[in-house]
């Protein structure tokens, strides 16, 4: 029971597209079914051997053997999935009275299961991780939704840079929703057989994989945009913007479509949540490539910033702008790639527990941190919110003041709305400074 619960918890933790080392009870069921098929084949064959007939012990198929023969088999695959560090063999002796008991011990002991192992601690760990990424995605979903509303409400914040941010926010929102849908469809009930081939279950997994890959590619677009902004003096932001959309949403759609078609025609079993190594690379390779390219962009951006900060004749104001950009880059680019690059190219079972925490728990809070850095701590956003707040407060003050004064307060031809506009208007110099800051500021 503990082993099954452990497997179910681990399956429930399949929260990122790059965590390909996680086992699946569907694989275990499939391996047992394959063993049972072997026994059915023996049943259809004529047994010309004088000795023991084949035997199915609900886990392994023991082939027909002659009397006195000792049959040695490796531990079943089920233990390889649940206990990767297992080892050893099991054996039975064919006697005139039939098969003997298993040696050197029953399956659990012979195949590496430690009775005194901390199964409860492992179950608690997996449960804690699941709770952690659920909280993280929930906070991210709330913060990103608020950030999207803010960027959509204020027209002065509508620019190419913020449009890209909004697409990134959307990808994080879809990622969180996809994780919740996957957990509901697959793991809301332990009695639910998600190993069956159901269209709705497969659709949830396809949507989940698409959202994961789209999120990684929009992180790549952020790095690409910032690198282009620094490396090219003049470029058409509108023209490049449509290429960014194609990269962020279109390229993942191509890979996910190819993966879904491949699974449908060559590996159409279960709910497609099983990691099938040959076809899994259709998803894993683009994600690893995006992580690597984004890390290269980070190195290039740091190099460009160092070069731009070196000239001694740079004005104090421009120097301040570039210093702010350097600070923003150091904060944001590692956030998008550092914790993924740490484990992306290591073997799947390398530091599995640590990898779970990094990819699932910390990764789930990434959307929340991005919303804080890109929106809530953004100086331009804060200035616009303060301006709108002062304008609203002034309207309330002047509106209440009009109740006690003559309506001719605007007799000089300047109406109420115009007075407020004049009070909140900025100078041309301030507008130019704000525009320059908007192009180069990220926080």
Protein backbone atom coordinates (compact mmCIF):
# COMPACT_ATOMS: atom_id res chain seq x y z
CA UNK A 1 0.00 0.00 0.00
CA UNK A 2 2.80 2.37 0.87
CA UNK A 3 4.56 1.63 -2.40
CA UNK A 4 1.38 2.28 -4.37
CA UNK A 5 0.75 5.51 -2.49
CA UNK A 6 4.30 6.61 -3.15
CA UNK A 7 3.89 5.94 -6.84
CA UNK A 8 0.62 7.88 -6.92
CA UNK A 9 2.18 10.84 -5.15
CA UNK A 10 5.12 10.88 -7.51
CA UNK A 11 2.78 10.74 -10.48
CA UNK A 12 0.85 13.66 -9.06
CA UNK A 13 4.05 15.66 -8.94
CA UNK A 14 4.47 15.63 -12.71
CA UNK A 15 4.28 19.41 -12.75
CA UNK A 16 6.86 20.55 -15.30
CA UNK A 17 7.67 19.55 -18.78
CA UNK A 18 11.29 18.81 -18.00
CA UNK A 19 10.80 16.48 -15.02
CA UNK A 20 11.05 13.38 -17.15
CA UNK A 21 12.37 11.07 -14.44
CA UNK A 22 9.07 10.63 -12.64
CA UNK A 23 7.55 7.13 -12.75
CA UNK A 24 3.95 6.38 -13.56
CA UNK A 25 1.68 3.62 -12.30
CA UNK A 26 0.48 3.17 -15.86
CA UNK A 27 3.98 1.99 -16.77
CA UNK A 28 3.86 -0.46 -13.88
CA UNK A 29 0.50 -1.79 -14.98
CA UNK A 30 1.76 -2.09 -18.52
CA UNK A 31 4.87 -4.04 -17.46
CA UNK A 32 2.73 -6.45 -15.42
CA UNK A 33 0.39 -6.87 -18.37
CA UNK A 34 3.33 -7.70 -20.62
CA UNK A 35 4.49 -10.35 -18.16
CA UNK A 36 1.01 -11.85 -18.12
CA UNK A 37 1.01 -11.95 -21.92
CA UNK A 38 4.14 -14.11 -21.78
CA UNK A 39 2.29 -16.68 -19.72
CA UNK A 40 -0.63 -16.62 -22.14
CA UNK A 41 1.79 -17.39 -24.94
CA UNK A 42 3.12 -20.39 -23.00
CA UNK A 43 -0.46 -21.53 -22.53
CA UNK A 44 -1.01 -21.59 -26.29
CA UNK A 45 2.19 -23.55 -26.89
CA UNK A 46 2.54 -27.31 -26.54
CA UNK A 47 4.62 -28.18 -23.50
CA UNK A 48 6.99 -30.99 -24.47
CA UNK A 49 9.14 -30.60 -21.36
CA UNK A 50 8.65 -33.04 -18.53
CA UNK A 51 8.63 -30.87 -15.47
CA UNK A 52 6.88 -27.81 -14.15
CA UNK A 53 4.35 -25.90 -16.22
CA UNK A 54 4.54 -22.15 -16.51
CA UNK A 55 3.38 -20.21 -13.47
CA UNK A 56 1.94 -16.70 -13.16
CA UNK A 57 2.34 -15.26 -9.65
CA UNK A 58 0.56 -11.97 -10.47
CA UNK A 59 3.89 -10.20 -10.99
CA UNK A 60 6.25 -12.43 -12.97
CA UNK A 61 5.79 -15.23 -15.45
CA UNK A 62 7.90 -18.32 -14.66
CA UNK A 63 8.58 -20.30 -17.85
CA UNK A 64 8.10 -24.08 -18.20
CA UNK A 65 11.14 -25.89 -16.80
CA UNK A 66 12.46 -29.41 -16.42
CA UNK A 67 12.60 -31.14 -13.06
CA UNK A 68 15.65 -30.18 -11.07
CA UNK A 69 16.18 -26.94 -12.96
CA UNK A 70 16.70 -23.71 -11.06
CA UNK A 71 15.15 -20.71 -12.82
CA UNK A 72 16.77 -17.37 -12.02
CA UNK A 73 15.00 -14.17 -13.09
CA UNK A 74 15.84 -10.50 -12.50
CA UNK A 75 13.62 -8.52 -10.20
CA UNK A 76 10.41 -7.39 -11.91
CA UNK A 77 10.28 -3.98 -13.54
CA UNK A 78 7.68 -2.83 -11.04
CA UNK A 79 10.42 -2.54 -8.42
CA UNK A 80 12.65 -0.67 -10.84
CA UNK A 81 9.98 2.04 -11.16
CA UNK A 82 9.15 2.27 -7.47
CA UNK A 83 12.66 1.68 -6.13
CA UNK A 84 15.29 2.74 -8.71
CA UNK A 85 18.18 1.55 -6.51
CA UNK A 86 16.92 -2.02 -6.32
CA UNK A 87 19.01 -4.94 -7.48
CA UNK A 88 19.34 -8.68 -7.34
CA UNK A 89 17.55 -11.71 -8.69
CA UNK A 90 14.86 -14.11 -7.59
CA UNK A 91 14.79 -17.84 -8.21
CA UNK A 92 12.59 -20.91 -7.96
CA UNK A 93 13.47 -24.59 -8.18
CA UNK A 94 11.39 -26.98 -10.28
CA UNK A 95 10.88 -30.23 -8.33
CA UNK A 96 8.71 -33.26 -8.81
CA UNK A 97 6.24 -31.67 -6.42
CA UNK A 98 6.15 -28.41 -8.39
CA UNK A 99 7.69 -25.00 -7.97
CA UNK A 100 9.41 -24.23 -4.69
CA UNK A 101 9.03 -21.00 -2.78
CA UNK A 102 10.90 -18.00 -4.02
CA UNK A 103 14.52 -17.60 -2.99
CA UNK A 104 16.32 -15.86 -1.38
CA UNK A 105 13.15 -14.18 -0.09
CA UNK A 106 9.81 -12.81 -1.29
CA UNK A 107 9.82 -10.04 -3.90
CA UNK A 108 9.85 -6.99 -1.60
CA UNK A 109 12.87 -8.15 0.40
CA UNK A 110 14.81 -9.77 -2.45
CA UNK A 111 14.36 -6.78 -4.75
CA UNK A 112 15.62 -4.05 -2.49
CA UNK A 113 12.63 -2.97 -0.46
CA UNK A 114 13.79 -2.03 3.01
CA UNK A 115 11.06 -2.82 5.49
CA UNK A 116 12.50 -0.24 7.86
CA UNK A 117 12.61 2.44 5.17
CA UNK A 118 11.06 5.81 5.83
CA UNK A 119 8.03 5.37 3.57
CA UNK A 120 5.98 7.75 5.68
CA UNK A 121 8.66 10.42 5.42
CA UNK A 122 8.80 10.01 1.65
CA UNK A 123 5.03 10.22 1.39
CA UNK A 124 5.10 13.34 3.55
CA UNK A 125 7.82 14.82 1.32
CA UNK A 126 5.86 14.22 -1.87
CA UNK A 127 2.71 15.57 -0.27
CA UNK A 128 4.58 18.67 0.87
CA UNK A 129 5.95 19.25 -2.61
CA UNK A 130 2.47 18.93 -4.11
CA UNK A 131 1.10 21.37 -1.56
CA UNK A 132 4.00 23.72 -2.28
CA UNK A 133 3.48 23.89 -6.02
CA UNK A 134 -0.29 24.21 -5.56
CA UNK A 135 0.23 27.27 -3.34
CA UNK A 136 2.84 28.65 -5.73
CA UNK A 137 0.65 28.36 -8.81
CA UNK A 138 -2.30 29.84 -6.92
CA UNK A 139 -0.31 32.89 -5.83
CA UNK A 140 1.11 33.25 -9.32
CA UNK A 141 -2.36 33.06 -10.85
CA UNK A 142 -3.71 35.80 -8.57
CA UNK A 143 -0.69 38.10 -8.96
CA UNK A 144 -0.50 37.67 -12.73
CA UNK A 145 -4.22 38.35 -13.15
CA UNK A 146 -3.90 41.61 -11.20
CA UNK A 147 -0.82 42.56 -13.23
CA UNK A 148 -2.67 41.89 -16.49
CA UNK A 149 -5.56 44.11 -15.38
CA UNK A 150 -3.15 46.94 -14.50
CA UNK A 151 -1.30 46.79 -17.82
CA UNK A 152 -4.56 46.64 -19.77
CA UNK A 153 -6.26 49.50 -17.91
CA UNK A 154 -3.64 52.22 -18.39
CA UNK A 155 -3.19 53.25 -22.01
CA UNK A 156 0.16 54.91 -21.31
CA UNK A 157 1.53 51.48 -20.46
CA UNK A 158 0.63 50.11 -23.89
CA UNK A 159 3.89 49.57 -25.75
CA UNK A 160 5.79 46.71 -27.36
CA UNK A 161 7.73 45.95 -24.20
CA UNK A 162 4.62 45.65 -22.06
CA UNK A 163 2.78 43.72 -24.76
CA UNK A 164 5.53 41.10 -24.55
CA UNK A 165 5.22 41.12 -20.76
CA UNK A 166 1.48 40.57 -21.09
CA UNK A 167 2.02 37.56 -23.33
CA UNK A 168 4.50 36.20 -20.79
CA UNK A 169 1.95 36.74 -18.02
CA UNK A 170 -0.64 34.91 -20.11
CA UNK A 171 1.70 31.96 -20.58
CA UNK A 172 2.24 31.74 -16.81
CA UNK A 173 -1.52 31.94 -16.22
CA UNK A 174 -2.17 29.17 -18.72
CA UNK A 175 0.61 27.12 -17.16
CA UNK A 176 -0.98 27.34 -13.71
CA UNK A 177 -4.44 26.55 -15.08
CA UNK A 178 -3.04 23.58 -17.02
CA UNK A 179 -1.43 22.17 -13.86
CA UNK A 180 -4.71 22.43 -11.96
CA UNK A 181 -6.66 20.82 -14.82
CA UNK A 182 -4.13 17.99 -15.06
CA UNK A 183 -4.30 17.30 -11.33
CA UNK A 184 -8.11 17.34 -11.36
CA UNK A 185 -8.40 15.08 -14.39
CA UNK A 186 -5.73 12.57 -13.37
CA UNK A 187 -5.43 12.57 -9.59
CA UNK A 188 -8.65 13.86 -8.03
CA UNK A 189 -9.57 10.27 -7.16
CA UNK A 190 -7.09 7.43 -6.58
CA UNK A 191 -9.73 4.98 -7.84
CA UNK A 192 -9.88 6.75 -11.20
CA UNK A 193 -8.16 4.73 -13.92
CA UNK A 194 -6.28 7.37 -15.87
CA UNK A 195 -4.39 4.61 -17.65
CA UNK A 196 -7.41 4.12 -19.87
CA UNK A 197 -7.30 5.75 -23.27
CA UNK A 198 -9.80 8.62 -22.97
CA UNK A 199 -10.01 11.60 -25.27
CA UNK A 200 -10.64 14.12 -22.48
CA UNK A 201 -7.68 12.89 -20.47
CA UNK A 202 -5.38 13.07 -23.49
CA UNK A 203 -6.64 16.55 -24.35
CA UNK A 204 -5.79 17.72 -20.82
CA UNK A 205 -2.24 16.38 -21.16
CA UNK A 206 -1.78 17.93 -24.62
CA UNK A 207 -2.98 21.29 -23.27
CA UNK A 208 -0.67 20.92 -20.28
CA UNK A 209 2.38 20.16 -22.42
CA UNK A 210 1.59 23.06 -24.75
CA UNK A 211 1.31 25.55 -21.88
CA UNK A 212 4.60 24.36 -20.40
CA UNK A 213 6.46 24.71 -23.68
CA UNK A 214 4.81 28.06 -24.53
CA UNK A 215 5.89 29.41 -21.14
CA UNK A 216 9.52 28.46 -21.79
CA UNK A 217 9.40 30.02 -25.25
CA UNK A 218 7.97 33.30 -23.95
CA UNK A 219 10.81 33.39 -21.44
CA UNK A 220 13.04 32.99 -24.48
CA UNK A 221 11.23 35.87 -26.21
CA UNK A 222 11.88 38.11 -23.21
CA UNK A 223 15.60 37.37 -23.45
CA UNK A 224 15.56 37.81 -27.22
CA UNK A 225 13.76 41.16 -27.00
CA UNK A 226 16.11 42.55 -24.38
CA UNK A 227 19.15 41.37 -26.33
CA UNK A 228 17.78 42.94 -29.54
CA UNK A 229 17.02 46.18 -27.69
CA UNK A 230 20.63 46.46 -26.56
CA UNK A 231 22.43 45.06 -29.60
CA UNK A 232 20.52 46.91 -32.37
CA UNK A 233 20.29 50.69 -32.28
CA UNK A 234 17.19 51.06 -34.45
CA UNK A 235 14.73 48.30 -35.27
CA UNK A 236 11.03 48.06 -36.02
CA UNK A 237 9.44 46.96 -32.78
CA UNK A 238 6.08 46.38 -34.46
CA UNK A 239 7.64 44.20 -37.16
CA UNK A 240 9.64 42.14 -34.67
CA UNK A 241 6.64 41.86 -32.36
CA UNK A 242 4.78 39.58 -34.76
CA UNK A 243 7.85 37.36 -34.97
CA UNK A 244 7.88 37.22 -31.18
CA UNK A 245 4.25 36.06 -31.17
CA UNK A 246 5.09 33.39 -33.73
CA UNK A 247 7.99 32.16 -31.59
CA UNK A 248 6.06 32.28 -28.31
CA UNK A 249 2.80 30.64 -29.41
CA UNK A 250 3.40 29.17 -32.87
CA UNK A 251 6.60 27.17 -32.44
CA UNK A 252 5.31 25.28 -29.36
CA UNK A 253 2.12 24.48 -31.26
CA UNK A 254 4.17 22.81 -34.01
CA UNK A 255 6.17 20.65 -31.60
CA UNK A 256 3.16 19.68 -29.49
CA UNK A 257 1.18 18.79 -32.62
CA UNK A 258 4.07 16.62 -33.82
CA UNK A 259 4.30 14.95 -30.41
CA UNK A 260 0.54 14.31 -30.23
CA UNK A 261 0.46 12.78 -33.71
CA UNK A 262 3.46 10.61 -32.89
CA UNK A 263 1.87 9.36 -29.69
CA UNK A 264 -1.41 8.71 -31.48
CA UNK A 265 0.10 6.60 -34.24
CA UNK A 266 3.01 4.90 -32.45
CA UNK A 267 2.38 4.94 -28.69
CA UNK A 268 -1.33 5.39 -28.15
CA UNK A 269 -1.82 3.88 -24.72
CA UNK A 270 -2.89 5.36 -21.42
CA UNK A 271 -3.48 9.06 -20.99
CA UNK A 272 -0.22 10.14 -22.66
CA UNK A 273 1.14 11.22 -19.29
CA UNK A 274 3.60 8.33 -19.42
CA UNK A 275 7.14 9.33 -20.31
CA UNK A 276 7.99 7.43 -23.48
CA UNK A 277 11.70 8.26 -24.05
CA UNK A 278 11.89 8.10 -27.88
CA UNK A 279 8.92 10.44 -28.35
CA UNK A 280 9.48 12.52 -25.22
CA UNK A 281 12.44 14.21 -26.90
CA UNK A 282 10.02 15.96 -29.27
CA UNK A 283 9.03 18.03 -26.22
CA UNK A 284 12.19 17.90 -24.14
CA UNK A 285 14.66 18.94 -26.86
CA UNK A 286 12.97 22.30 -27.71
CA UNK A 287 12.62 23.15 -24.01
CA UNK A 288 16.27 22.37 -23.29
CA UNK A 289 17.26 24.41 -26.35
CA UNK A 290 15.24 27.41 -25.17
CA UNK A 291 16.86 27.19 -21.73
CA UNK A 292 20.34 27.06 -23.25
CA UNK A 293 19.71 29.91 -25.72
CA UNK A 294 18.20 32.09 -23.01
CA UNK A 295 21.25 31.50 -20.84
CA UNK A 296 23.47 32.53 -23.77
CA UNK A 297 21.38 35.70 -24.13
CA UNK A 298 22.01 36.39 -20.46
CA UNK A 299 25.78 36.17 -20.95
CA UNK A 300 25.63 38.38 -24.05
CA UNK A 301 23.46 40.98 -22.32
CA UNK A 302 25.86 41.20 -19.39
CA UNK A 303 28.74 41.68 -21.84
CA UNK A 304 26.87 44.46 -23.69
CA UNK A 305 25.97 46.20 -20.44
CA UNK A 306 29.58 46.13 -19.27
CA UNK A 307 30.69 47.71 -22.55
CA UNK A 308 28.02 50.41 -22.35
CA UNK A 309 28.90 51.28 -18.77
CA UNK A 310 32.62 51.72 -19.47
CA UNK A 311 32.75 55.00 -21.55
CA UNK A 312 33.85 57.85 -19.23
CA UNK A 313 32.03 60.56 -21.20
CA UNK A 314 28.62 59.11 -20.54
CA UNK A 315 26.29 61.60 -18.93
CA UNK A 316 25.13 61.13 -15.41
CA UNK A 317 21.50 60.67 -16.41
CA UNK A 318 22.28 58.05 -19.07
CA UNK A 319 24.66 56.31 -16.72
CA UNK A 320 21.84 56.07 -14.21
CA UNK A 321 19.58 54.58 -16.84
CA UNK A 322 22.09 51.92 -17.87
CA UNK A 323 22.86 51.10 -14.24
CA UNK A 324 19.19 50.57 -13.68
CA UNK A 325 19.01 48.36 -16.75
CA UNK A 326 21.98 46.33 -15.52
CA UNK A 327 20.27 45.84 -12.18
CA UNK A 328 17.07 44.77 -13.90
CA UNK A 329 18.89 42.35 -16.18
CA UNK A 330 20.75 40.73 -13.31
CA UNK A 331 17.45 40.28 -11.49
CA UNK A 332 15.30 38.99 -14.33
CA UNK A 333 17.44 36.93 -16.69
CA UNK A 334 18.79 34.56 -14.00
CA UNK A 335 15.23 34.20 -12.76
CA UNK A 336 14.20 32.92 -16.16
CA UNK A 337 17.09 30.54 -16.71
CA UNK A 338 19.42 29.93 -13.80
CA UNK A 339 17.43 27.42 -11.78
CA UNK A 340 16.55 25.50 -14.95
CA UNK A 341 20.09 25.45 -16.33
CA UNK A 342 21.29 23.96 -13.04
CA UNK A 343 19.54 20.63 -13.67
CA UNK A 344 18.52 20.72 -17.32
CA UNK A 345 21.49 18.74 -18.65
CA UNK A 346 22.09 16.40 -15.72
CA UNK A 347 20.88 12.78 -15.75
CA UNK A 348 17.22 12.45 -14.91
CA UNK A 349 17.77 10.69 -11.57
CA UNK A 350 20.52 13.09 -10.42
CA UNK A 351 19.53 14.62 -7.07
CA UNK A 352 15.89 13.77 -7.67
CA UNK A 353 14.52 15.31 -4.47
CA UNK A 354 16.40 18.57 -4.98
CA UNK A 355 15.31 18.66 -8.60
CA UNK A 356 11.69 18.22 -7.53
CA UNK A 357 11.92 21.21 -5.20
CA UNK A 358 13.60 23.43 -7.80
CA UNK A 359 11.40 22.56 -10.75
CA UNK A 360 8.04 22.10 -9.07
CA UNK A 361 7.98 24.25 -5.95
CA UNK A 362 10.28 27.14 -6.90
CA UNK A 363 9.11 26.97 -10.50
CA UNK A 364 5.51 27.42 -9.40
CA UNK A 365 6.38 30.73 -7.68
CA UNK A 366 8.15 32.02 -10.78
CA UNK A 367 4.98 33.60 -12.16
CA UNK A 368 4.42 35.44 -8.88
CA UNK A 369 7.98 36.81 -8.87
CA UNK A 370 7.71 37.83 -12.53
CA UNK A 371 4.48 39.73 -11.82
CA UNK A 372 6.15 41.56 -8.94
CA UNK A 373 9.28 42.50 -10.93
CA UNK A 374 7.60 43.29 -14.24
CA UNK A 375 4.57 45.13 -12.89
CA UNK A 376 4.23 45.86 -9.18
CA UNK A 377 7.81 47.14 -8.73
CA UNK A 378 7.99 48.75 -12.17
CA UNK A 379 8.63 52.47 -11.70
CA UNK A 380 6.58 53.42 -14.74
CA UNK A 381 3.60 51.40 -13.53
CA UNK A 382 3.86 52.86 -10.04
CA UNK A 383 4.05 56.40 -11.44
CA UNK A 384 0.97 55.84 -13.60
CA UNK A 385 -1.01 54.40 -10.70
CA UNK A 386 -0.02 57.35 -8.48
CA UNK A 387 -0.98 59.80 -11.22
CA UNK A 388 -4.38 58.18 -11.62
CA UNK A 389 -4.83 58.14 -7.85
CA UNK A 390 -3.97 61.85 -7.53
CA UNK A 391 -6.34 62.65 -10.39
CA UNK A 392 -9.17 60.68 -8.79
CA UNK A 393 -8.48 62.22 -5.39
CA UNK A 394 -8.48 65.70 -6.96
CA UNK A 395 -11.76 65.00 -8.69
CA UNK A 396 -13.29 63.94 -5.40
CA UNK A 397 -11.94 67.03 -3.64
CA UNK A 398 -13.04 69.51 -6.31
CA UNK A 399 -16.35 67.71 -6.72
CA UNK A 400 -17.14 68.08 -3.02
CA UNK A 401 -15.89 71.68 -3.07
CA UNK A 402 -18.34 72.57 -5.85
CA UNK A 403 -21.25 71.74 -3.57
CA UNK A 404 -20.42 74.81 -1.46
CA UNK A 405 -19.38 77.25 -4.21
CA UNK A 406 -21.02 78.99 -7.15
CA UNK A 407 -21.05 76.95 -10.40
CA UNK A 408 -19.15 79.79 -12.13
CA UNK A 409 -15.88 78.38 -10.84
CA UNK A 410 -14.99 77.67 -14.48
CA UNK A 411 -16.15 81.06 -15.84
CA UNK A 412 -12.80 81.80 -17.51
CA UNK A 413 -13.58 79.22 -20.20
CA UNK A 414 -11.73 76.39 -18.51
CA UNK A 415 -14.13 73.63 -17.52
CA UNK A 416 -13.75 71.24 -14.65
CA UNK A 417 -12.12 68.47 -16.66
CA UNK A 418 -9.62 70.83 -18.25
CA UNK A 419 -8.56 72.15 -14.85
CA UNK A 420 -7.73 68.66 -13.69
CA UNK A 421 -5.84 67.93 -16.90
CA UNK A 422 -3.75 71.07 -16.42
CA UNK A 423 -3.00 70.15 -12.83
CA UNK A 424 -1.86 66.63 -13.75
CA UNK A 425 -0.11 67.45 -17.03
CA UNK A 426 3.62 66.84 -17.29
CA UNK A 427 6.17 68.95 -19.07
CA UNK A 428 7.59 67.93 -22.49
CA UNK A 429 10.95 67.32 -20.85
CA UNK A 430 9.35 64.95 -18.35
CA UNK A 431 7.52 63.14 -21.15
CA UNK A 432 10.75 62.59 -23.09
CA UNK A 433 12.45 61.31 -19.96
CA UNK A 434 9.52 58.99 -19.26
CA UNK A 435 9.62 57.66 -22.81
CA UNK A 436 13.35 56.97 -22.58
CA UNK A 437 12.86 55.28 -19.24
CA UNK A 438 10.01 53.16 -20.60
CA UNK A 439 12.20 51.76 -23.36
CA UNK A 440 15.03 50.72 -21.06
CA UNK A 441 13.48 50.07 -17.66
CA UNK A 442 12.23 46.70 -16.56
CA UNK A 443 11.74 47.30 -12.89
